C-alpha atoms as a PDB file:
ATOM      1  CA  UNK A   1      19.293  -0.991   5.379  1.00  0.00           C
ATOM      2  CA  UNK A   2      17.362   2.161   4.309  1.00  0.00           C
ATOM      3  CA  UNK A   3      13.626   1.881   4.943  1.00  0.00           C
ATOM      4  CA  UNK A   4      12.773   2.289   1.260  1.00  0.00           C
ATOM      5  CA  UNK A   5      14.965  -0.672   0.393  1.00  0.00           C
ATOM      6  CA  UNK A   6      13.480  -2.751   3.220  1.00  0.00           C
ATOM      7  CA  UNK A   7       9.966  -2.022   2.007  1.00  0.00           C
ATOM      8  CA  UNK A   8      10.654  -2.716  -1.662  1.00  0.00           C
ATOM      9  CA  UNK A   9      12.555  -5.909  -0.855  1.00  0.00           C
ATOM     10  CA  UNK A  10       9.619  -7.073   1.248  1.00  0.00           C
ATOM     11  CA  UNK A  11       7.199  -6.206  -1.571  1.00  0.00           C
ATOM     12  CA  UNK A  12       9.325  -8.140  -4.084  1.00  0.00           C
ATOM     13  CA  UNK A  13       9.329 -11.170  -1.790  1.00  0.00           C
ATOM     14  CA  UNK A  14       5.557 -10.895  -1.380  1.00  0.00           C
ATOM     15  CA  UNK A  15       4.897 -10.753  -5.112  1.00  0.00           C
ATOM     16  CA  UNK A  16       7.145 -13.776  -5.602  1.00  0.00           C
ATOM     17  CA  UNK A  17       4.712 -15.798  -3.462  1.00  0.00           C
ATOM     18  CA  UNK A  18       1.965 -15.095  -6.017  1.00  0.00           C
ATOM     19  CA  UNK A  19       4.061 -15.943  -9.083  1.00  0.00           C
ATOM     20  CA  UNK A  20       3.945 -19.333 -10.759  1.00  0.00           C
ATOM     21  CA  UNK A  21       3.877 -21.078 -14.106  1.00  0.00           C
ATOM     22  CA  UNK A  22       0.248 -22.111 -13.634  1.00  0.00           C
ATOM     23  CA  UNK A  23      -1.021 -18.588 -12.884  1.00  0.00           C
ATOM     24  CA  UNK A  24      -3.323 -16.842 -15.411  1.00  0.00           C
ATOM     25  CA  UNK A  25      -0.848 -14.579 -17.245  1.00  0.00           C
ATOM     26  CA  UNK A  26      -2.934 -11.393 -17.328  1.00  0.00           C
ATOM     27  CA  UNK A  27      -3.944 -11.610 -13.674  1.00  0.00           C
ATOM     28  CA  UNK A  28      -0.340 -12.398 -12.784  1.00  0.00           C
ATOM     29  CA  UNK A  29       0.736  -9.244 -14.620  1.00  0.00           C
ATOM     30  CA  UNK A  30      -1.963  -7.171 -12.921  1.00  0.00           C
ATOM     31  CA  UNK A  31      -0.569  -7.717  -9.420  1.00  0.00           C
ATOM     32  CA  UNK A  32       2.802  -5.968  -9.884  1.00  0.00           C
ATOM     33  CA  UNK A  33       1.029  -3.317 -11.984  1.00  0.00           C
ATOM     34  CA  UNK A  34      -1.117  -2.540  -8.936  1.00  0.00           C
ATOM     35  CA  UNK A  35       1.813  -2.070  -6.551  1.00  0.00           C
ATOM     36  CA  UNK A  36       4.471  -0.481  -8.799  1.00  0.00           C
ATOM     37  CA  UNK A  37       5.521   2.267  -8.920  1.00  0.00           C
ATOM     38  CA  UNK A  38       5.022   2.414  -5.211  1.00  0.00           C
ATOM     39  CA  UNK A  39       4.099   5.998  -4.502  1.00  0.00           C
ATOM     40  CA  UNK A  40       5.211   7.324  -1.131  1.00  0.00           C
ATOM     41  CA  UNK A  41       4.730   4.015   0.765  1.00  0.00           C
ATOM     42  CA  UNK A  42       3.637   6.150   3.709  1.00  0.00           C
ATOM     43  CA  UNK A  43       1.890   3.390   5.684  1.00  0.00           C
ATOM     44  CA  UNK A  44       4.710   0.816   5.640  1.00  0.00           C
ATOM     45  CA  UNK A  45       7.200   3.605   6.355  1.00  0.00           C
ATOM     46  CA  UNK A  46       5.244   4.585   9.467  1.00  0.00           C
ATOM     47  CA  UNK A  47       4.997   0.918  10.476  1.00  0.00           C
ATOM     48  CA  UNK A  48       8.759   0.403  10.238  1.00  0.00           C
ATOM     49  CA  UNK A  49       9.496   3.675  12.033  1.00  0.00           C
ATOM     50  CA  UNK A  50       7.290   2.575  14.919  1.00  0.00           C
ATOM     51  CA  UNK A  51       8.939  -0.852  14.970  1.00  0.00           C
ATOM     52  CA  UNK A  52      12.362   0.803  15.067  1.00  0.00           C
ATOM     53  CA  UNK A  53      11.247   3.168  17.835  1.00  0.00           C
ATOM     54  CA  UNK A  54      10.176   0.080  19.803  1.00  0.00           C
ATOM     55  CA  UNK A  55      13.494  -1.733  19.283  1.00  0.00           C
ATOM     56  CA  UNK A  56      12.867  -3.665  16.021  1.00  0.00           C
ATOM     57  CA  UNK A  57      14.025  -6.906  17.615  1.00  0.00           C
ATOM     58  CA  UNK A  58      12.438  -9.042  14.842  1.00  0.00           C
ATOM     59  CA  UNK A  59      13.055  -7.170  11.559  1.00  0.00           C
ATOM     60  CA  UNK A  60      11.610 -10.029   9.497  1.00  0.00           C
ATOM     61  CA  UNK A  61       8.281  -9.695  11.309  1.00  0.00           C
ATOM     62  CA  UNK A  62       8.257  -5.937  10.760  1.00  0.00           C
ATOM     63  CA  UNK A  63       9.139  -6.329   7.078  1.00  0.00           C
ATOM     64  CA  UNK A  64       6.351  -8.878   6.546  1.00  0.00           C
ATOM     65  CA  UNK A  65       3.903  -6.606   8.337  1.00  0.00           C
ATOM     66  CA  UNK A  66       4.963  -3.628   6.220  1.00  0.00           C
ATOM     67  CA  UNK A  67       4.507  -5.550   2.968  1.00  0.00           C
ATOM     68  CA  UNK A  68       1.150  -6.986   4.040  1.00  0.00           C
ATOM     69  CA  UNK A  69      -0.174  -3.568   4.999  1.00  0.00           C
ATOM     70  CA  UNK A  70       0.922  -2.020   1.715  1.00  0.00           C
ATOM     71  CA  UNK A  71      -0.646  -4.885  -0.267  1.00  0.00           C
ATOM     72  CA  UNK A  72      -4.008  -4.242   1.390  1.00  0.00           C
ATOM     73  CA  UNK A  73      -3.653  -0.523   0.729  1.00  0.00           C
ATOM     74  CA  UNK A  74      -2.870  -1.150  -2.962  1.00  0.00           C
ATOM     75  CA  UNK A  75      -5.837  -3.509  -3.195  1.00  0.00           C
ATOM     76  CA  UNK A  76      -8.092  -0.809  -1.772  1.00  0.00           C
ATOM     77  CA  UNK A  77      -6.886   1.640  -4.437  1.00  0.00           C
ATOM     78  CA  UNK A  78      -7.611  -0.840  -7.208  1.00  0.00           C
ATOM     79  CA  UNK A  79     -11.137  -1.326  -5.903  1.00  0.00           C
ATOM     80  CA  UNK A  80     -11.694   2.394  -5.203  1.00  0.00           C
ATOM     81  CA  UNK A  81     -10.865   3.264  -8.820  1.00  0.00           C
ATOM     82  CA  UNK A  82     -13.497   0.916 -10.283  1.00  0.00           C
ATOM     83  CA  UNK A  83     -16.441   2.507 -12.117  1.00  0.00           C
ATOM     84  CA  UNK A  84     -18.829   1.282  -9.417  1.00  0.00           C
ATOM     85  CA  UNK A  85     -16.986   3.486  -6.891  1.00  0.00           C
ATOM     86  CA  UNK A  86     -14.806   6.441  -7.968  1.00  0.00           C
ATOM     87  CA  UNK A  87     -14.630   5.630 -11.695  1.00  0.00           C
ATOM     88  CA  UNK A  88     -11.067   7.000 -11.775  1.00  0.00           C
ATOM     89  CA  UNK A  89      -9.138   6.518 -15.025  1.00  0.00           C
ATOM     90  CA  UNK A  90      -5.713   7.320 -13.522  1.00  0.00           C
ATOM     91  CA  UNK A  91      -3.710   6.174 -10.541  1.00  0.00           C
ATOM     92  CA  UNK A  92      -0.149   7.280  -9.773  1.00  0.00           C
ATOM     93  CA  UNK A  93       0.172   8.894 -13.179  1.00  0.00           C
ATOM     94  CA  UNK A  94      -0.769   5.838 -15.242  1.00  0.00           C
ATOM     95  CA  UNK A  95      -4.040   4.173 -16.295  1.00  0.00           C
ATOM     96  CA  UNK A  96      -5.943   2.701 -13.378  1.00  0.00           C
ATOM     97  CA  UNK A  97      -5.783  -1.068 -13.279  1.00  0.00           C
ATOM     98  CA  UNK A  98      -9.312  -1.570 -14.567  1.00  0.00           C
ATOM     99  CA  UNK A  99      -8.535   0.710 -17.527  1.00  0.00           C
ATOM    100  CA  UNK A 100      -5.358  -1.212 -18.327  1.00  0.00           C
ATOM    101  CA  UNK A 101      -6.571  -4.763 -17.698  1.00  0.00           C
ATOM    102  CA  UNK A 102     -10.438  -4.745 -17.509  1.00  0.00           C
ATOM    103  CA  UNK A 103     -12.886  -4.426 -14.644  1.00  0.00           C
ATOM    104  CA  UNK A 104     -13.092  -8.186 -13.885  1.00  0.00           C
ATOM    105  CA  UNK A 105      -9.327  -8.451 -13.630  1.00  0.00           C
ATOM    106  CA  UNK A 106      -9.175  -5.363 -11.421  1.00  0.00           C
ATOM    107  CA  UNK A 107     -11.676  -6.908  -9.026  1.00  0.00           C
ATOM    108  CA  UNK A 108      -9.743 -10.182  -8.980  1.00  0.00           C
ATOM    109  CA  UNK A 109      -6.379  -8.445  -8.625  1.00  0.00           C
ATOM    110  CA  UNK A 110      -7.592  -6.513  -5.593  1.00  0.00           C
ATOM    111  CA  UNK A 111      -8.933  -9.709  -4.036  1.00  0.00           C
ATOM    112  CA  UNK A 112      -5.689 -11.541  -4.787  1.00  0.00           C
ATOM    113  CA  UNK A 113      -3.594  -8.792  -3.179  1.00  0.00           C
ATOM    114  CA  UNK A 114      -5.665  -9.026   0.004  1.00  0.00           C
ATOM    115  CA  UNK A 115      -5.217 -12.809   0.124  1.00  0.00           C
ATOM    116  CA  UNK A 116      -1.508 -12.361  -0.557  1.00  0.00           C
ATOM    117  CA  UNK A 117      -1.197  -9.950   2.368  1.00  0.00           C
ATOM    118  CA  UNK A 118      -2.350 -12.603   4.821  1.00  0.00           C
ATOM    119  CA  UNK A 119      -0.157 -15.233   3.154  1.00  0.00           C
ATOM    120  CA  UNK A 120       2.852 -12.941   3.641  1.00  0.00           C
ATOM    121  CA  UNK A 121       2.155 -12.649   7.369  1.00  0.00           C
ATOM    122  CA  UNK A 122       1.654 -16.405   7.755  1.00  0.00           C
ATOM    123  CA  UNK A 123       4.629 -17.383   5.578  1.00  0.00           C
ATOM    124  CA  UNK A 124       7.121 -15.723   7.908  1.00  0.00           C
ATOM    125  CA  UNK A 125       6.217 -18.143  10.659  1.00  0.00           C
ATOM    126  CA  UNK A 126       7.070 -15.670  13.416  1.00  0.00           C
ATOM    127  CA  UNK A 127       5.454 -16.089  16.825  1.00  0.00           C
ATOM    128  CA  UNK A 128       3.920 -12.634  16.440  1.00  0.00           C
ATOM    129  CA  UNK A 129       2.197 -13.435  13.125  1.00  0.00           C
ATOM    130  CA  UNK A 130      -1.219 -14.265  14.611  1.00  0.00           C
ATOM    131  CA  UNK A 131      -1.474 -10.905  16.348  1.00  0.00           C
ATOM    132  CA  UNK A 132      -0.450  -9.123  13.163  1.00  0.00           C
ATOM    133  CA  UNK A 133      -3.035 -11.069  11.144  1.00  0.00           C
ATOM    134  CA  UNK A 134      -5.792 -10.045  13.539  1.00  0.00           C
ATOM    135  CA  UNK A 135      -4.779  -6.380  13.450  1.00  0.00           C
ATOM    136  CA  UNK A 136      -4.715  -6.311   9.653  1.00  0.00           C
ATOM    137  CA  UNK A 137      -8.095  -8.056   9.458  1.00  0.00           C
ATOM    138  CA  UNK A 138      -9.636  -5.633  11.944  1.00  0.00           C
ATOM    139  CA  UNK A 139      -8.482  -2.535  10.105  1.00  0.00           C
ATOM    140  CA  UNK A 140      -9.181  -3.939   6.661  1.00  0.00           C
ATOM    141  CA  UNK A 141     -12.744  -5.127   7.154  1.00  0.00           C
ATOM    142  CA  UNK A 142     -15.772  -4.461   9.356  1.00  0.00           C
ATOM    143  CA  UNK A 143     -17.035  -2.817  11.462  1.00  0.00           C
ATOM    144  CA  UNK A 144     -14.419  -0.065  11.426  1.00  0.00           C
ATOM    145  CA  UNK A 145     -11.920  -0.957   8.716  1.00  0.00           C
ATOM    146  CA  UNK A 146     -11.502   0.288   5.181  1.00  0.00           C
ATOM    147  CA  UNK A 147     -14.407  -1.816   3.912  1.00  0.00           C
ATOM    148  CA  UNK A 148     -16.641   0.041   6.352  1.00  0.00           C
ATOM    149  CA  UNK A 149     -15.161   3.305   5.107  1.00  0.00           C
ATOM    150  CA  UNK A 150     -16.146   2.518   1.538  1.00  0.00           C
ATOM    151  CA  UNK A 151     -19.557   1.401   2.779  1.00  0.00           C
ATOM    152  CA  UNK A 152     -20.279   4.811   4.308  1.00  0.00           C
ATOM    153  CA  UNK A 153     -20.350   6.257   0.783  1.00  0.00           C
ATOM    154  CA  UNK A 154     -23.519   4.243   0.126  1.00  0.00           C
ATOM    155  CA  UNK A 155     -25.385   5.645   3.138  1.00  0.00           C
ATOM    156  CA  UNK A 156     -27.965   8.415   2.850  1.00  0.00           C
ATOM    157  CA  UNK A 157     -26.647  10.054   6.031  1.00  0.00           C
ATOM    158  CA  UNK A 158     -22.901   9.986   6.626  1.00  0.00           C
ATOM    159  CA  UNK A 159     -21.150  10.169   9.987  1.00  0.00           C
ATOM    160  CA  UNK A 160     -18.104  12.151   8.782  1.00  0.00           C
ATOM    161  CA  UNK A 161     -15.969  11.211  11.766  1.00  0.00           C
ATOM    162  CA  UNK A 162     -16.712   7.489  11.434  1.00  0.00           C
ATOM    163  CA  UNK A 163     -16.239   7.736   7.667  1.00  0.00           C
ATOM    164  CA  UNK A 164     -12.788   9.306   7.995  1.00  0.00           C
ATOM    165  CA  UNK A 165     -11.710   6.899  10.749  1.00  0.00           C
ATOM    166  CA  UNK A 166     -12.581   3.905   8.602  1.00  0.00           C
ATOM    167  CA  UNK A 167     -11.904   5.084   5.055  1.00  0.00           C
ATOM    168  CA  UNK A 168      -8.483   6.590   5.684  1.00  0.00           C
ATOM    169  CA  UNK A 169      -7.594   6.324   9.341  1.00  0.00           C
ATOM    170  CA  UNK A 170      -7.927   2.560   9.721  1.00  0.00           C
ATOM    171  CA  UNK A 171      -4.763   1.620   7.845  1.00  0.00           C
ATOM    172  CA  UNK A 172      -2.765   4.286   9.680  1.00  0.00           C
ATOM    173  CA  UNK A 173      -3.881   2.793  12.995  1.00  0.00           C
ATOM    174  CA  UNK A 174      -2.904  -0.571  11.549  1.00  0.00           C
ATOM    175  CA  UNK A 175       0.509   0.890  10.697  1.00  0.00           C
ATOM    176  CA  UNK A 176       1.255   2.139  14.205  1.00  0.00           C
ATOM    177  CA  UNK A 177      -0.214  -0.868  16.008  1.00  0.00           C
ATOM    178  CA  UNK A 178       1.335  -3.456  13.691  1.00  0.00           C
ATOM    179  CA  UNK A 179       4.707  -1.721  13.969  1.00  0.00           C
ATOM    180  CA  UNK A 180       4.560  -1.952  17.744  1.00  0.00           C
ATOM    181  CA  UNK A 181       3.290  -5.545  17.688  1.00  0.00           C
ATOM    182  CA  UNK A 182       5.993  -6.625  15.231  1.00  0.00           C
ATOM    183  CA  UNK A 183       8.572  -5.389  17.771  1.00  0.00           C
ATOM    184  CA  UNK A 184       6.915  -7.191  20.643  1.00  0.00           C
ATOM    185  CA  UNK A 185       5.179  -4.172  22.210  1.00  0.00           C
ATOM    186  CA  UNK A 186       1.556  -3.775  23.242  1.00  0.00           C
ATOM    187  CA  UNK A 187      -0.219  -2.260  20.223  1.00  0.00           C
ATOM    188  CA  UNK A 188      -3.031  -0.567  22.168  1.00  0.00           C
ATOM    189  CA  UNK A 189      -1.121   2.567  23.275  1.00  0.00           C
ATOM    190  CA  UNK A 190      -0.302   3.248  19.623  1.00  0.00           C
ATOM    191  CA  UNK A 191      -3.912   3.593  18.504  1.00  0.00           C
ATOM    192  CA  UNK A 192      -4.211   7.339  19.092  1.00  0.00           C
ATOM    193  CA  UNK A 193      -1.106   8.154  17.064  1.00  0.00           C
ATOM    194  CA  UNK A 194      -2.452   6.139  14.133  1.00  0.00           C
ATOM    195  CA  UNK A 195      -5.851   7.790  14.419  1.00  0.00           C
ATOM    196  CA  UNK A 196      -4.340  11.261  14.398  1.00  0.00           C
ATOM    197  CA  UNK A 197      -2.016  10.562  11.469  1.00  0.00           C
ATOM    198  CA  UNK A 198      -4.927   9.050   9.567  1.00  0.00           C
ATOM    199  CA  UNK A 199      -7.169  12.016  10.251  1.00  0.00           C
ATOM    200  CA  UNK A 200      -4.399  14.381   9.177  1.00  0.00           C
ATOM    201  CA  UNK A 201      -3.918  12.432   5.973  1.00  0.00           C
ATOM    202  CA  UNK A 202      -7.645  12.551   5.203  1.00  0.00           C
ATOM    203  CA  UNK A 203      -7.919  16.296   5.784  1.00  0.00           C
ATOM    204  CA  UNK A 204      -4.783  16.830   3.691  1.00  0.00           C
ATOM    205  CA  UNK A 205      -6.221  14.610   0.960  1.00  0.00           C
ATOM    206  CA  UNK A 206      -9.419  16.667   0.966  1.00  0.00           C
ATOM    207  CA  UNK A 207      -7.333  19.840   0.587  1.00  0.00           C
ATOM    208  CA  UNK A 208      -5.264  18.351  -2.228  1.00  0.00           C
ATOM    209  CA  UNK A 209      -8.387  17.200  -4.041  1.00  0.00           C
ATOM    210  CA  UNK A 210      -9.847  20.705  -3.841  1.00  0.00           C
ATOM    211  CA  UNK A 211      -6.707  22.681  -4.673  1.00  0.00           C
ATOM    212  CA  UNK A 212      -4.382  20.614  -6.869  1.00  0.00           C
ATOM    213  CA  UNK A 213      -4.550  19.627 -10.530  1.00  0.00           C
ATOM    214  CA  UNK A 214      -4.791  16.181 -12.066  1.00  0.00           C
ATOM    215  CA  UNK A 215      -1.206  16.515 -13.320  1.00  0.00           C
ATOM    216  CA  UNK A 216       0.035  17.281  -9.805  1.00  0.00           C
ATOM    217  CA  UNK A 217      -1.927  14.477  -8.177  1.00  0.00           C
ATOM    218  CA  UNK A 218      -1.410  11.783 -10.807  1.00  0.00           C
ATOM    219  CA  UNK A 219      -5.154  11.091 -10.579  1.00  0.00           C
ATOM    220  CA  UNK A 220      -8.351  13.077 -11.211  1.00  0.00           C
ATOM    221  CA  UNK A 221      -8.838  16.087  -8.943  1.00  0.00           C
ATOM    222  CA  UNK A 222     -12.062  17.631  -7.646  1.00  0.00           C
ATOM    223  CA  UNK A 223     -13.563  14.198  -7.096  1.00  0.00           C
ATOM    224  CA  UNK A 224     -15.080  14.931  -3.692  1.00  0.00           C
ATOM    225  CA  UNK A 225     -17.283  17.605  -5.258  1.00  0.00           C
ATOM    226  CA  UNK A 226     -18.045  15.531  -8.363  1.00  0.00           C
ATOM    227  CA  UNK A 227     -19.213  12.546  -6.306  1.00  0.00           C
ATOM    228  CA  UNK A 228     -20.708  14.644  -3.480  1.00  0.00           C
ATOM    229  CA  UNK A 229     -18.490  12.838  -0.993  1.00  0.00           C
ATOM    230  CA  UNK A 230     -18.170  14.055   2.575  1.00  0.00           C
ATOM    231  CA  UNK A 231     -14.973  16.017   3.124  1.00  0.00           C
ATOM    232  CA  UNK A 232     -13.310  18.372   5.582  1.00  0.00           C
ATOM    233  CA  UNK A 233     -13.284  21.098   2.917  1.00  0.00           C
ATOM    234  CA  UNK A 234     -17.026  20.780   2.362  1.00  0.00           C
ATOM    235  CA  UNK A 235     -17.676  20.865   6.106  1.00  0.00           C
ATOM    236  CA  UNK A 236     -15.099  23.431   7.273  1.00  0.00           C
ATOM    237  CA  UNK A 237     -14.070  25.370   4.174  1.00  0.00           C
ATOM    238  CA  UNK A 238     -10.492  25.622   2.906  1.00  0.00           C
ATOM    239  CA  UNK A 239      -9.150  27.757   5.751  1.00  0.00           C
ATOM    240  CA  UNK A 240     -10.987  25.751   8.383  1.00  0.00           C
ATOM    241  CA  UNK A 241      -9.643  22.496   6.966  1.00  0.00           C
ATOM    242  CA  UNK A 242      -6.090  23.876   6.964  1.00  0.00           C
ATOM    243  CA  UNK A 243      -6.420  24.949  10.626  1.00  0.00           C
ATOM    244  CA  UNK A 244      -7.819  21.534  11.490  1.00  0.00           C
ATOM    245  CA  UNK A 245      -4.811  19.883   9.855  1.00  0.00           C
ATOM    246  CA  UNK A 246      -2.388  21.918  11.976  1.00  0.00           C
ATOM    247  CA  UNK A 247      -4.263  20.999  15.170  1.00  0.00           C
ATOM    248  CA  UNK A 248      -4.288  17.286  14.312  1.00  0.00           C
ATOM    249  CA  UNK A 249      -0.550  17.167  13.603  1.00  0.00           C
ATOM    250  CA  UNK A 250       0.270  18.875  16.882  1.00  0.00           C
ATOM    251  CA  UNK A 251      -1.855  16.295  18.675  1.00  0.00           C
ATOM    252  CA  UNK A 252      -0.178  13.448  16.778  1.00  0.00           C
ATOM    253  CA  UNK A 253       3.273  14.381  18.050  1.00  0.00           C
ATOM    254  CA  UNK A 254       1.951  14.772  21.591  1.00  0.00           C
ATOM    255  CA  UNK A 255       0.305  11.321  21.461  1.00  0.00           C
ATOM    256  CA  UNK A 256       3.469   9.300  20.772  1.00  0.00           C
ATOM    257  CA  UNK A 257       3.836   6.706  23.554  1.00  0.00           C
ATOM    258  CA  UNK A 258       7.027   6.581  25.594  1.00  0.00           C
ATOM    259  CA  UNK A 259       9.529   4.395  23.753  1.00  0.00           C
ATOM    260  CA  UNK A 260      13.285   4.289  23.080  1.00  0.00           C
ATOM    261  CA  UNK A 261      12.907   6.069  19.734  1.00  0.00           C
ATOM    262  CA  UNK A 262      10.301   8.640  20.755  1.00  0.00           C
ATOM    263  CA  UNK A 263      12.265  11.710  19.594  1.00  0.00           C
ATOM    264  CA  UNK A 264      13.121  10.213  16.211  1.00  0.00           C
ATOM    265  CA  UNK A 265       9.493   9.179  15.719  1.00  0.00           C
ATOM    266  CA  UNK A 266       8.321  12.725  16.438  1.00  0.00           C
ATOM    267  CA  UNK A 267      10.678  13.942  13.709  1.00  0.00           C
ATOM    268  CA  UNK A 268       9.234  11.354  11.305  1.00  0.00           C
ATOM    269  CA  UNK A 269       5.690  12.557  11.983  1.00  0.00           C
ATOM    270  CA  UNK A 270       6.715  16.141  11.264  1.00  0.00           C
ATOM    271  CA  UNK A 271       8.523  15.114   8.054  1.00  0.00           C
ATOM    272  CA  UNK A 272       5.487  13.156   6.910  1.00  0.00           C
ATOM    273  CA  UNK A 273       3.318  16.201   7.550  1.00  0.00           C
ATOM    274  CA  UNK A 274       5.358  18.309   5.145  1.00  0.00           C
ATOM    275  CA  UNK A 275       4.656  15.780   2.396  1.00  0.00           C
ATOM    276  CA  UNK A 276       0.894  15.810   2.883  1.00  0.00           C
ATOM    277  CA  UNK A 277       0.127  19.170   1.302  1.00  0.00           C
ATOM    278  CA  UNK A 278       1.799  21.461  -1.256  1.00  0.00           C
ATOM    279  CA  UNK A 279       4.377  23.848   0.181  1.00  0.00           C
ATOM    280  CA  UNK A 280       2.408  26.829  -1.123  1.00  0.00           C
ATOM    281  CA  UNK A 281      -0.843  25.755   0.569  1.00  0.00           C
ATOM    282  CA  UNK A 282      -1.573  29.195   2.129  1.00  0.00           C
ATOM    283  CA  UNK A 283      -1.133  30.909  -1.246  1.00  0.00           C
ATOM    284  CA  UNK A 284      -3.419  28.409  -2.971  1.00  0.00           C
ATOM    285  CA  UNK A 285      -6.109  28.900  -0.350  1.00  0.00           C
ATOM    286  CA  UNK A 286      -5.825  32.676  -0.647  1.00  0.00           C
ATOM    287  CA  UNK A 287      -6.232  32.420  -4.417  1.00  0.00           C
ATOM    288  CA  UNK A 288      -9.520  30.538  -4.179  1.00  0.00           C
END
């Protein structure tokens, strides 16, 4: 089955767990609104690619892990867009959830998606579920998960490295480690690959925010400057950030642990890299 179909089937099954006649109708409608359309589904795609590289001997466990990870990611976007944080009116080319449903429902929808993610992992009943639950909790919360990443934006002095590791990198580490764990492999050797992919994604996101338009992004651009957020562009400049991205991606490929699907996984990392920034990145930088 193609990975896209596996991911979307797993997401459909997850949303079905939250559906019911007794559910508040507007909150029930907010959950699928938050996860569809699905964007690139980069994190669950990485998770499944790692699981496949490790043998994918329990596809149901990998599918549950992929859906749970994407649910937490979607919840984080809903919360990030709220006026108390980024105050973003758009997400994936449509009104942000709080703009479409209200701020209280956006807060509740994000919370419900997080709870649903853990229900999805538990509902499968696989022997590996407990390990997957702990990995998702670690990279979703404190002290180094995405909650910590959001928390750094409220500090007077920001540790940029810690901020990037938590804000963006945490769920990529979750993707590589959960993919390995879902296939019965030790997740620890997969931490560096997740860290490097996450750092690359953050640097690329900083470049996109600085160089691309709202129409291209499907969300407001220039937000790092507007909100005075720490970014690789602010610290290194456009050219420095682009060089940093190249270095990180080279290190990501080199960090892939030995596994049956190592070569195919290296190709996936390179393909993902081409999707991170516009093809004409050098020309855009030169024009600035």
